[in-house]
C-alpha atoms as a PDB file:
ATOM      1  CA  MET A   1      62.227  99.954 102.971  1.00  0.00           C
ATOM      2  CA  ALA A   2      60.313  98.276 105.714  1.00  0.00           C
ATOM      3  CA  SER A   3      60.338  99.996 109.080  1.00  0.00           C
ATOM      4  CA  GLY A   4      63.256  98.813 111.179  1.00  0.00           C
ATOM      5  CA  SER A   5      64.999  97.094 108.219  1.00  0.00           C
ATOM      6  CA  ARG A   6      68.611  97.795 107.308  1.00  0.00           C
ATOM      7  CA  PRO A   7      69.933  98.437 103.880  1.00  0.00           C
ATOM      8  CA  THR A   8      72.047  95.781 102.216  1.00  0.00           C
ATOM      9  CA  ALA A   9      75.139  96.152  99.951  1.00  0.00           C
ATOM     10  CA  ASP A  10      77.582  93.625  98.599  1.00  0.00           C
ATOM     11  CA  GLY A  11      81.020  94.932  97.854  1.00  0.00           C
ATOM     12  CA  ILE A  12      84.399  96.093  98.962  1.00  0.00           C
ATOM     13  CA  LEU A  13      85.577  99.441 100.087  1.00  0.00           C
ATOM     14  CA  VAL A  14      89.413  99.823  99.899  1.00  0.00           C
ATOM     15  CA  LEU A  15      90.468 102.335 102.440  1.00  0.00           C
ATOM     16  CA  ASP A  16      93.704 104.091 103.054  1.00  0.00           C
ATOM     17  CA  LYS A  17      93.739 103.638 106.855  1.00  0.00           C
ATOM     18  CA  PRO A  18      95.177 106.660 108.588  1.00  0.00           C
ATOM     19  CA  LYS A  19      97.624 106.475 111.361  1.00  0.00           C
ATOM     20  CA  ASP A  20      96.636 106.240 115.020  1.00  0.00           C
ATOM     21  CA  VAL A  21      93.213 104.709 114.402  1.00  0.00           C
ATOM     22  CA  THR A  22      92.401 100.965 114.625  1.00  0.00           C
ATOM     23  CA  SER A  23      91.047  98.760 111.846  1.00  0.00           C
ATOM     24  CA  MET A  24      87.816  98.236 113.821  1.00  0.00           C
ATOM     25  CA  GLU A  25      87.299 102.059 113.988  1.00  0.00           C
ATOM     26  CA  MET A  26      87.281 101.871 110.117  1.00  0.00           C
ATOM     27  CA  VAL A  27      84.637  99.192 110.259  1.00  0.00           C
ATOM     28  CA  ARG A  28      82.481 101.181 112.636  1.00  0.00           C
ATOM     29  CA  LEU A  29      82.856 104.201 110.345  1.00  0.00           C
ATOM     30  CA  ALA A  30      81.685 102.058 107.410  1.00  0.00           C
ATOM     31  CA  LYS A  31      78.640 100.790 109.352  1.00  0.00           C
ATOM     32  CA  ARG A  32      77.766 104.286 110.441  1.00  0.00           C
ATOM     33  CA  VAL A  33      77.961 105.830 106.981  1.00  0.00           C
ATOM     34  CA  SER A  34      76.122 102.935 105.224  1.00  0.00           C
ATOM     35  CA  HIS A  35      73.836 101.602 107.964  1.00  0.00           C
ATOM     36  CA  VAL A  36      74.770  98.209 106.738  1.00  0.00           C
ATOM     37  CA  LYS A  37      75.073  95.672 109.525  1.00  0.00           C
ATOM     38  CA  ARG A  38      77.293  92.997 107.936  1.00  0.00           C
ATOM     39  CA  VAL A  39      80.584  94.612 107.495  1.00  0.00           C
ATOM     40  CA  GLY A  40      84.128  93.392 108.301  1.00  0.00           C
ATOM     41  CA  HIS A  41      87.812  94.093 107.417  1.00  0.00           C
ATOM     42  CA  ALA A  42      90.168  91.801 105.681  1.00  0.00           C
ATOM     43  CA  GLY A  43      93.423  91.902 107.683  1.00  0.00           C
ATOM     44  CA  THR A  44      94.205  93.929 110.745  1.00  0.00           C
ATOM     45  CA  LEU A  45      96.511  96.936 110.606  1.00  0.00           C
ATOM     46  CA  ASP A  46      98.161  98.203 113.783  1.00  0.00           C
ATOM     47  CA  PRO A  47      97.173 101.782 114.851  1.00  0.00           C
ATOM     48  CA  ILE A  48     100.706 102.940 113.900  1.00  0.00           C
ATOM     49  CA  ALA A  49     100.222 101.649 110.336  1.00  0.00           C
ATOM     50  CA  THR A  50      98.611 103.219 107.314  1.00  0.00           C
ATOM     51  CA  GLY A  51      97.595 101.931 103.962  1.00  0.00           C
ATOM     52  CA  VAL A  52      95.426  99.298 102.228  1.00  0.00           C
ATOM     53  CA  LEU A  53      92.528  98.050 104.342  1.00  0.00           C
ATOM     54  CA  PRO A  54      89.767  96.211 102.456  1.00  0.00           C
ATOM     55  CA  VAL A  55      86.404  96.659 104.210  1.00  0.00           C
ATOM     56  CA  CYS A  56      83.855  94.100 103.119  1.00  0.00           C
ATOM     57  CA  PHE A  57      80.119  94.566 102.966  1.00  0.00           C
ATOM     58  CA  GLY A  58      77.338  91.910 102.816  1.00  0.00           C
ATOM     59  CA  GLN A  59      78.258  88.849 100.757  1.00  0.00           C
ATOM     60  CA  ALA A  60      81.808  90.166 100.174  1.00  0.00           C
ATOM     61  CA  THR A  61      82.520  89.260 103.845  1.00  0.00           C
ATOM     62  CA  ARG A  62      82.590  85.601 102.707  1.00  0.00           C
ATOM     63  CA  LEU A  63      85.642  86.419 100.780  1.00  0.00           C
ATOM     64  CA  MET A  64      87.710  88.012 103.595  1.00  0.00           C
ATOM     65  CA  GLU A  65      89.768  84.900 104.047  1.00  0.00           C
ATOM     66  CA  PHE A  66      90.878  84.940 100.455  1.00  0.00           C
ATOM     67  CA  MET A  67      92.180  88.598 100.941  1.00  0.00           C
ATOM     68  CA  VAL A  68      93.836  87.800 104.192  1.00  0.00           C
ATOM     69  CA  ASP A  69      95.715  84.842 102.580  1.00  0.00           C
ATOM     70  CA  GLY A  70      96.866  86.987  99.663  1.00  0.00           C
ATOM     71  CA  ARG A  71     100.334  88.428  99.309  1.00  0.00           C
ATOM     72  CA  LYS A  72     101.069  91.708 101.019  1.00  0.00           C
ATOM     73  CA  ILE A  73     103.594  94.514 100.337  1.00  0.00           C
ATOM     74  CA  TYR A  74     104.724  96.686 103.265  1.00  0.00           C
ATOM     75  CA  ARG A  75     106.977  99.660 103.284  1.00  0.00           C
ATOM     76  CA  ALA A  76     108.551 100.452 106.665  1.00  0.00           C
ATOM     77  CA  GLU A  77     110.980 102.685 108.467  1.00  0.00           C
ATOM     78  CA  PHE A  78     113.177 101.251 111.025  1.00  0.00           C
ATOM     79  CA  THR A  79     115.169 103.277 113.524  1.00  0.00           C
ATOM     80  CA  LEU A  80     118.437 101.773 114.673  1.00  0.00           C
ATOM     81  CA  GLY A  81     119.841 102.171 118.083  1.00  0.00           C
ATOM     82  CA  SER A  82     117.051 101.154 120.374  1.00  0.00           C
ATOM     83  CA  ALA A  83     114.635  98.282 121.026  1.00  0.00           C
ATOM     84  CA  THR A  84     111.222  98.707 122.652  1.00  0.00           C
ATOM     85  CA  ASP A  85     108.780  96.286 124.332  1.00  0.00           C
ATOM     86  CA  THR A  86     106.302  96.592 121.531  1.00  0.00           C
ATOM     87  CA  TYR A  87     108.980  96.472 118.768  1.00  0.00           C
ATOM     88  CA  ASP A  88     107.690  99.848 117.499  1.00  0.00           C
ATOM     89  CA  ALA A  89     107.702 103.559 118.450  1.00  0.00           C
ATOM     90  CA  VAL A  90     104.638 103.275 120.594  1.00  0.00           C
ATOM     91  CA  GLY A  91     106.441 101.182 123.226  1.00  0.00           C
ATOM     92  CA  THR A  92     108.887 101.743 126.028  1.00  0.00           C
ATOM     93  CA  GLU A  93     112.626 101.605 125.272  1.00  0.00           C
ATOM     94  CA  THR A  94     114.186  98.482 126.638  1.00  0.00           C
ATOM     95  CA  HIS A  95     117.771  98.471 125.143  1.00  0.00           C
ATOM     96  CA  THR A  96     120.109 100.849 123.279  1.00  0.00           C
ATOM     97  CA  GLY A  97     122.990 100.290 121.034  1.00  0.00           C
ATOM     98  CA  ASP A  98     125.671 101.950 118.837  1.00  0.00           C
ATOM     99  CA  TRP A  99     124.613 102.023 115.204  1.00  0.00           C
ATOM    100  CA  SER A 100     127.391 104.257 113.922  1.00  0.00           C
ATOM    101  CA  ASN A 101     129.487 101.490 112.310  1.00  0.00           C
ATOM    102  CA  VAL A 102     126.488  99.857 110.434  1.00  0.00           C
ATOM    103  CA  THR A 103     126.999  99.851 106.639  1.00  0.00           C
ATOM    104  CA  GLN A 104     124.445  99.369 103.883  1.00  0.00           C
ATOM    105  CA  ALA A 105     126.300  96.223 102.967  1.00  0.00           C
ATOM    106  CA  ASP A 106     125.690  94.921 106.464  1.00  0.00           C
ATOM    107  CA  VAL A 107     121.984  95.533 106.221  1.00  0.00           C
ATOM    108  CA  GLU A 108     121.506  93.999 102.855  1.00  0.00           C
ATOM    109  CA  ALA A 109     123.667  90.974 103.788  1.00  0.00           C
ATOM    110  CA  LEU A 110     121.003  89.995 106.306  1.00  0.00           C
ATOM    111  CA  PHE A 111     118.065  89.938 103.831  1.00  0.00           C
ATOM    112  CA  PRO A 112     118.709  86.425 102.322  1.00  0.00           C
ATOM    113  CA  GLY A 113     118.391  84.919 105.723  1.00  0.00           C
ATOM    114  CA  PHE A 114     114.944  86.490 106.241  1.00  0.00           C
ATOM    115  CA  THR A 115     113.741  85.429 102.748  1.00  0.00           C
ATOM    116  CA  GLY A 116     111.806  82.300 101.810  1.00  0.00           C
ATOM    117  CA  THR A 117     109.959  80.155 104.173  1.00  0.00           C
ATOM    118  CA  VAL A 118     111.305  81.253 107.557  1.00  0.00           C
ATOM    119  CA  LEU A 119     110.470  80.955 111.202  1.00  0.00           C
ATOM    120  CA  GLN A 120     109.323  84.135 113.009  1.00  0.00           C
ATOM    121  CA  THR A 121     108.350  84.524 116.673  1.00  0.00           C
ATOM    122  CA  PRO A 122     105.227  86.719 117.084  1.00  0.00           C
ATOM    123  CA  PRO A 123     105.620  89.788 119.376  1.00  0.00           C
ATOM    124  CA  MET A 124     104.078  89.760 122.782  1.00  0.00           C
ATOM    125  CA  TYR A 125     102.050  92.817 121.760  1.00  0.00           C
ATOM    126  CA  SER A 126      99.823  91.013 119.354  1.00  0.00           C
ATOM    127  CA  ALA A 127      96.252  89.630 119.171  1.00  0.00           C
ATOM    128  CA  LEU A 128      97.300  85.946 119.314  1.00  0.00           C
ATOM    129  CA  LYS A 129      96.084  84.069 122.170  1.00  0.00           C
ATOM    130  CA  HIS A 130      97.824  82.047 124.939  1.00  0.00           C
ATOM    131  CA  GLU A 131      95.548  79.962 127.135  1.00  0.00           C
ATOM    132  CA  GLY A 132      92.574  81.921 126.192  1.00  0.00           C
ATOM    133  CA  LYS A 133      94.019  85.427 126.632  1.00  0.00           C
ATOM    134  CA  ARG A 134      95.309  87.827 124.047  1.00  0.00           C
ATOM    135  CA  LEU A 135      99.119  88.231 124.236  1.00  0.00           C
ATOM    136  CA  TYR A 136      98.892  92.067 124.411  1.00  0.00           C
ATOM    137  CA  GLU A 137      96.615  91.648 127.525  1.00  0.00           C
ATOM    138  CA  LEU A 138      99.329  89.652 129.166  1.00  0.00           C
ATOM    139  CA  ALA A 139     102.022  92.067 128.065  1.00  0.00           C
ATOM    140  CA  ARG A 140     100.193  95.011 129.485  1.00  0.00           C
ATOM    141  CA  ALA A 141      99.977  93.136 132.754  1.00  0.00           C
ATOM    142  CA  GLY A 142     103.829  92.699 132.711  1.00  0.00           C
ATOM    143  CA  ILE A 143     103.629  88.945 131.845  1.00  0.00           C
ATOM    144  CA  GLU A 144     105.831  87.585 129.053  1.00  0.00           C
ATOM    145  CA  VAL A 145     105.203  84.036 127.875  1.00  0.00           C
ATOM    146  CA  GLU A 146     107.054  81.719 125.414  1.00  0.00           C
ATOM    147  CA  ARG A 147     105.742  82.108 121.998  1.00  0.00           C
ATOM    148  CA  GLU A 148     106.188  79.326 119.303  1.00  0.00           C
ATOM    149  CA  ALA A 149     107.898  80.382 116.223  1.00  0.00           C
ATOM    150  CA  ARG A 150     105.655  80.200 113.151  1.00  0.00           C
ATOM    151  CA  GLU A 151     106.455  79.517 109.478  1.00  0.00           C
ATOM    152  CA  VAL A 152     105.965  82.678 107.312  1.00  0.00           C
ATOM    153  CA  THR A 153     106.786  83.163 103.708  1.00  0.00           C
ATOM    154  CA  VAL A 154     108.829  86.253 102.577  1.00  0.00           C
ATOM    155  CA  TYR A 155     109.058  86.662  98.796  1.00  0.00           C
ATOM    156  CA  GLU A 156     111.358  89.684  98.553  1.00  0.00           C
ATOM    157  CA  ILE A 157     113.039  92.369 100.743  1.00  0.00           C
ATOM    158  CA  ARG A 158     114.342  95.603  99.242  1.00  0.00           C
ATOM    159  CA  LEU A 159     116.277  98.400 101.022  1.00  0.00           C
ATOM    160  CA  LEU A 160     114.846 101.618  99.621  1.00  0.00           C
ATOM    161  CA  GLU A 161     116.754 104.153 101.859  1.00  0.00           C
ATOM    162  CA  PHE A 162     119.793 104.002 104.037  1.00  0.00           C
ATOM    163  CA  ALA A 163     120.209 107.165 106.078  1.00  0.00           C
ATOM    164  CA  LEU A 164     121.415 106.193 109.495  1.00  0.00           C
ATOM    165  CA  PRO A 165     119.858 105.671 112.012  1.00  0.00           C
ATOM    166  CA  LYS A 166     116.959 105.221 109.620  1.00  0.00           C
ATOM    167  CA  LEU A 167     116.333 102.442 107.158  1.00  0.00           C
ATOM    168  CA  VAL A 168     113.370 102.235 104.770  1.00  0.00           C
ATOM    169  CA  VAL A 169     112.586  98.773 103.565  1.00  0.00           C
ATOM    170  CA  GLU A 170     109.840  97.133 101.483  1.00  0.00           C
ATOM    171  CA  VAL A 171     108.861  93.580 102.057  1.00  0.00           C
ATOM    172  CA  GLU A 172     106.581  91.307  99.902  1.00  0.00           C
ATOM    173  CA  CYS A 173     105.253  88.498 102.171  1.00  0.00           C
ATOM    174  CA  GLY A 174     102.460  86.134 102.863  1.00  0.00           C
ATOM    175  CA  ARG A 175      99.953  85.800 105.727  1.00  0.00           C
ATOM    176  CA  GLY A 176     101.073  86.155 109.428  1.00  0.00           C
ATOM    177  CA  PHE A 177     104.242  88.196 108.844  1.00  0.00           C
ATOM    178  CA  TYR A 178     105.008  90.803 111.530  1.00  0.00           C
ATOM    179  CA  MET A 179     106.925  93.807 110.299  1.00  0.00           C
ATOM    180  CA  ARG A 180     107.456  94.785 113.919  1.00  0.00           C
ATOM    181  CA  THR A 181     109.235  91.557 114.568  1.00  0.00           C
ATOM    182  CA  PHE A 182     111.291  91.932 111.434  1.00  0.00           C
ATOM    183  CA  ALA A 183     112.510  95.372 112.637  1.00  0.00           C
ATOM    184  CA  HIS A 184     113.398  93.929 116.017  1.00  0.00           C
ATOM    185  CA  ASP A 185     115.124  90.877 114.487  1.00  0.00           C
ATOM    186  CA  VAL A 186     117.114  93.122 112.037  1.00  0.00           C
ATOM    187  CA  GLY A 187     118.382  95.176 115.012  1.00  0.00           C
ATOM    188  CA  GLU A 188     119.338  92.104 116.964  1.00  0.00           C
ATOM    189  CA  ALA A 189     121.272  90.692 114.001  1.00  0.00           C
ATOM    190  CA  LEU A 190     123.055  94.007 113.508  1.00  0.00           C
ATOM    191  CA  GLY A 191     123.902  94.106 117.153  1.00  0.00           C
ATOM    192  CA  CYS A 192     122.596  97.644 117.691  1.00  0.00           C
ATOM    193  CA  TYR A 193     118.883  97.115 118.265  1.00  0.00           C
ATOM    194  CA  ALA A 194     116.063  98.528 116.225  1.00  0.00           C
ATOM    195  CA  HIS A 195     112.335  99.255 116.259  1.00  0.00           C
ATOM    196  CA  LEU A 196     109.568 100.025 113.779  1.00  0.00           C
ATOM    197  CA  THR A 197     108.775 103.756 113.443  1.00  0.00           C
ATOM    198  CA  GLU A 198     106.551 103.962 110.281  1.00  0.00           C
ATOM    199  CA  LEU A 199     104.586 101.355 108.363  1.00  0.00           C
ATOM    200  CA  GLN A 200     102.468 101.405 105.239  1.00  0.00           C
ATOM    201  CA  ARG A 201     100.603  98.420 103.664  1.00  0.00           C
ATOM    202  CA  ARG A 202     100.986  99.147  99.909  1.00  0.00           C
ATOM    203  CA  LYS A 203      99.301  95.914  98.657  1.00  0.00           C
ATOM    204  CA  ALA A 204      96.852  93.406 100.192  1.00  0.00           C
ATOM    205  CA  GLY A 205      95.895  90.577  97.802  1.00  0.00           C
ATOM    206  CA  ALA A 206      94.386  92.125  94.658  1.00  0.00           C
ATOM    207  CA  PHE A 207      94.341  95.670  95.960  1.00  0.00           C
ATOM    208  CA  THR A 208      97.154  98.214  95.984  1.00  0.00           C
ATOM    209  CA  ILE A 209      97.563 101.684  97.521  1.00  0.00           C
ATOM    210  CA  ASP A 210      96.469 103.161  94.246  1.00  0.00           C
ATOM    211  CA  ASP A 211      93.019 101.563  94.722  1.00  0.00           C
ATOM    212  CA  THR A 212      92.330 103.204  98.084  1.00  0.00           C
ATOM    213  CA  MET A 213      90.378 106.184  99.164  1.00  0.00           C
ATOM    214  CA  THR A 214      90.508 108.139 102.390  1.00  0.00           C
ATOM    215  CA  PRO A 215      87.866 107.607 105.154  1.00  0.00           C
ATOM    216  CA  ASP A 216      86.858 111.302 104.705  1.00  0.00           C
ATOM    217  CA  MET A 217      86.056 110.520 100.972  1.00  0.00           C
ATOM    218  CA  PHE A 218      83.799 107.751 101.946  1.00  0.00           C
ATOM    219  CA  GLU A 219      82.167 109.746 104.731  1.00  0.00           C
ATOM    220  CA  ALA A 220      81.476 112.547 102.339  1.00  0.00           C
ATOM    221  CA  ALA A 221      79.448 110.199 100.065  1.00  0.00           C
ATOM    222  CA  GLU A 222      76.965 109.348 102.904  1.00  0.00           C
ATOM    223  CA  ASP A 223      74.202 111.557 101.447  1.00  0.00           C
ATOM    224  CA  ASP A 224      71.757 109.943  98.875  1.00  0.00           C
ATOM    225  CA  ASP A 225      73.636 106.510  99.253  1.00  0.00           C
ATOM    226  CA  ALA A 226      76.467 107.812  97.052  1.00  0.00           C
ATOM    227  CA  TRP A 227      78.747 105.601  98.983  1.00  0.00           C
ATOM    228  CA  ARG A 228      77.416 102.551  97.173  1.00  0.00           C
ATOM    229  CA  GLY A 229      79.070 103.803  93.976  1.00  0.00           C
ATOM    230  CA  LEU A 230      82.438 103.678  95.772  1.00  0.00           C
ATOM    231  CA  LEU A 231      82.260  99.948  96.445  1.00  0.00           C
ATOM    232  CA  LEU A 232      84.045  97.438  94.171  1.00  0.00           C
ATOM    233  CA  PRO A 233      82.147  94.216  93.361  1.00  0.00           C
ATOM    234  CA  PRO A 234      82.945  91.164  95.560  1.00  0.00           C
ATOM    235  CA  ASP A 235      84.831  89.355  92.842  1.00  0.00           C
ATOM    236  CA  ALA A 236      87.358  92.256  92.538  1.00  0.00           C
ATOM    237  CA  ALA A 237      89.150  90.398  95.320  1.00  0.00           C
ATOM    238  CA  LEU A 238      89.522  87.264  93.179  1.00  0.00           C
ATOM    239  CA  GLN A 239      91.408  88.532  90.088  1.00  0.00           C
ATOM    240  CA  SER A 240      94.171  86.010  90.624  1.00  0.00           C
ATOM    241  CA  LEU A 241      91.641  83.295  89.663  1.00  0.00           C
ATOM    242  CA  ASP A 242      90.494  82.695  86.031  1.00  0.00           C
ATOM    243  CA  PRO A 243      86.964  83.294  85.109  1.00  0.00           C
ATOM    244  CA  MET A 244      84.574  80.819  83.532  1.00  0.00           C
ATOM    245  CA  ALA A 245      81.199  81.408  81.932  1.00  0.00           C
ATOM    246  CA  LEU A 246      78.260  79.110  82.691  1.00  0.00           C
ATOM    247  CA  ASP A 247      75.178  78.138  80.751  1.00  0.00           C
ATOM    248  CA  SER A 248      71.792  78.192  82.447  1.00  0.00           C
ATOM    249  CA  SER A 249      71.908  74.480  83.279  1.00  0.00           C
ATOM    250  CA  ALA A 250      75.335  74.767  85.113  1.00  0.00           C
ATOM    251  CA  GLU A 251      74.033  77.786  86.909  1.00  0.00           C
ATOM    252  CA  ARG A 252      71.081  75.973  88.241  1.00  0.00           C
ATOM    253  CA  HIS A 253      73.232  73.072  89.381  1.00  0.00           C
ATOM    254  CA  LEU A 254      75.716  75.227  91.200  1.00  0.00           C
ATOM    255  CA  ARG A 255      72.946  77.216  92.871  1.00  0.00           C
ATOM    256  CA  ASN A 256      71.747  73.888  94.268  1.00  0.00           C
ATOM    257  CA  GLY A 257      75.124  73.033  95.490  1.00  0.00           C
ATOM    258  CA  GLN A 258      75.817  70.447  92.773  1.00  0.00           C
ATOM    259  CA  ALA A 259      79.045  69.854  90.886  1.00  0.00           C
ATOM    260  CA  VAL A 260      79.090  70.608  87.164  1.00  0.00           C
ATOM    261  CA  THR A 261      80.964  69.228  84.233  1.00  0.00           C
ATOM    262  CA  LEU A 262      82.567  71.879  81.967  1.00  0.00           C
ATOM    263  CA  PRO A 263      84.875  69.981  79.606  1.00  0.00           C
ATOM    264  CA  ALA A 264      86.337  73.131  77.942  1.00  0.00           C
ATOM    265  CA  SER A 265      87.330  74.557  81.301  1.00  0.00           C
ATOM    266  CA  SER A 266      88.861  71.372  82.463  1.00  0.00           C
ATOM    267  CA  THR A 267      91.543  70.773  79.732  1.00  0.00           C
ATOM    268  CA  TYR A 268      94.438  72.423  81.567  1.00  0.00           C
ATOM    269  CA  ALA A 269      92.941  72.392  85.166  1.00  0.00           C
ATOM    270  CA  LYS A 270      94.814  70.739  87.904  1.00  0.00           C
ATOM    271  CA  HIS A 271      93.235  69.054  90.897  1.00  0.00           C
ATOM    272  CA  LEU A 272      91.772  71.722  93.353  1.00  0.00           C
ATOM    273  CA  ASP A 273      92.287  74.551  90.933  1.00  0.00           C
ATOM    274  CA  ALA A 274      89.876  77.385  91.630  1.00  0.00           C
ATOM    275  CA  ARG A 275      87.906  79.528  89.236  1.00  0.00           C
ATOM    276  CA  ARG A 276      85.380  82.430  89.343  1.00  0.00           C
ATOM    277  CA  ALA A 277      82.130  81.154  87.846  1.00  0.00           C
ATOM    278  CA  TYR A 278      79.655  83.681  86.104  1.00  0.00           C
ATOM    279  CA  THR A 279      76.017  83.310  85.078  1.00  0.00           C
ATOM    280  CA  PRO A 280      74.965  83.783  81.460  1.00  0.00           C
ATOM    281  CA  ASP A 281      73.925  87.328  82.232  1.00  0.00           C
ATOM    282  CA  GLY A 282      77.347  88.139  83.755  1.00  0.00           C
ATOM    283  CA  LYS A 283      76.731  87.910  87.465  1.00  0.00           C
ATOM    284  CA  PHE A 284      79.401  86.515  89.722  1.00  0.00           C
ATOM    285  CA  LEU A 285      77.922  83.233  91.022  1.00  0.00           C
ATOM    286  CA  ALA A 286      80.522  81.058  92.685  1.00  0.00           C
ATOM    287  CA  ILE A 287      84.094  80.032  93.445  1.00  0.00           C
ATOM    288  CA  VAL A 288      84.458  76.549  92.102  1.00  0.00           C
ATOM    289  CA  ARG A 289      87.219  73.949  92.500  1.00  0.00           C
ATOM    290  CA  PHE A 290      88.220  71.209  90.124  1.00  0.00           C
ATOM    291  CA  ASN A 291      87.960  67.580  91.181  1.00  0.00           C
ATOM    292  CA  ARG A 292      90.317  65.829  88.844  1.00  0.00           C
ATOM    293  CA  ALA A 293      89.180  62.327  89.788  1.00  0.00           C
ATOM    294  CA  GLU A 294      85.622  63.138  88.821  1.00  0.00           C
ATOM    295  CA  SER A 295      86.380  65.809  86.184  1.00  0.00           C
ATOM    296  CA  THR A 296      83.863  68.088  87.755  1.00  0.00           C
ATOM    297  CA  TRP A 297      83.792  71.577  89.196  1.00  0.00           C
ATOM    298  CA  GLN A 298      82.539  71.671  92.666  1.00  0.00           C
ATOM    299  CA  PRO A 299      81.029  74.840  94.278  1.00  0.00           C
ATOM    300  CA  GLU A 300      83.075  76.253  97.224  1.00  0.00           C
ATOM    301  CA  ARG A 301      81.167  79.394  97.840  1.00  0.00           C
ATOM    302  CA  VAL A 302      77.993  80.300  96.014  1.00  0.00           C
ATOM    303  CA  PHE A 303      76.661  83.914  95.895  1.00  0.00           C
ATOM    304  CA  ASN A 304      73.367  85.577  95.077  1.00  0.00           C
ATOM    305  CA  LEU A 305      74.303  88.914  93.625  1.00  0.00           C
ATOM    306  CA  SER A 306      71.848  91.250  91.896  1.00  0.00           C
ATOM    307  CA  GLU A 307      74.172  93.139  89.495  1.00  0.00           C
ATOM    308  CA  PRO A 308      76.301  91.858  86.593  1.00  0.00           C
ATOM    309  CA  SER A 309      80.029  92.110  87.258  1.00  0.00           C
ATOM    310  CA  PRO A 310      82.449  94.172  85.180  1.00  0.00           C
ATOM    311  CA  TYR A 311      84.903  91.279  85.648  1.00  0.00           C
ATOM    312  CA  ALA A 312      82.684  88.683  83.852  1.00  0.00           C
ATOM    313  CA  PRO A 313      84.276  86.846  80.914  1.00  0.00           C
END
């Protein structure tokens, strides 16, 4: 390696983020262990939260938005009887209420109203911006501003434990859903207040809690570049997309940013359907989308990876 140069790597490290550390601290750990400069995470977890945190290296950082947009599964503990300014256990108590008459049926009866495409108001303690400033900066200064409710998608809510004043729920949702807000809103709906006390992300896009490793495990692999063997290939994040094999001519065209015609892959394709495209020697090459009007597959992201992928067709 040339003097002053940095090592490169292209892949995804799926960490089980510990409690009381930030997502950016996990990125800094990854950079320190690997000495790779181009590293980012796919979806912030609050310090109170644990669980699935994909950390992307090199060219895999170009796929972070696909992971952020993927479905999530969260498991959370709510404590009834008090609300806080942060909507979680870190904050200052703002209201208290009597939870003693709440029944399991009361709780489960609320869930249909929170399921589907619903409006949710982001918490003040969030990284969203208002007039150029982060909401949490305003909140820490004692300033509360109106927040516009946003559409979020909730696919399913399950009550796993009912042991008053504690509830354990599991939620499958899309991008932008705040579990802290959900805890707060459940408490408001029950009339007794509530806040979030524990949170684990169990799934983020293609990755589940079973795919994770601890930061200590990654750090222990620093010597002799053993950490490289812990990375998943970039296309591991795209398993929801069907794969397609290319011939050398199609590979050349896609590398040059040109659309290709692949009739066999187009038979059942709908307009803007996406696929994973692989070179003849099994390297992940591109995300392509189908243009129905032209019957061509157009490159959306093109990669230059050195190793064949285990996910190649």
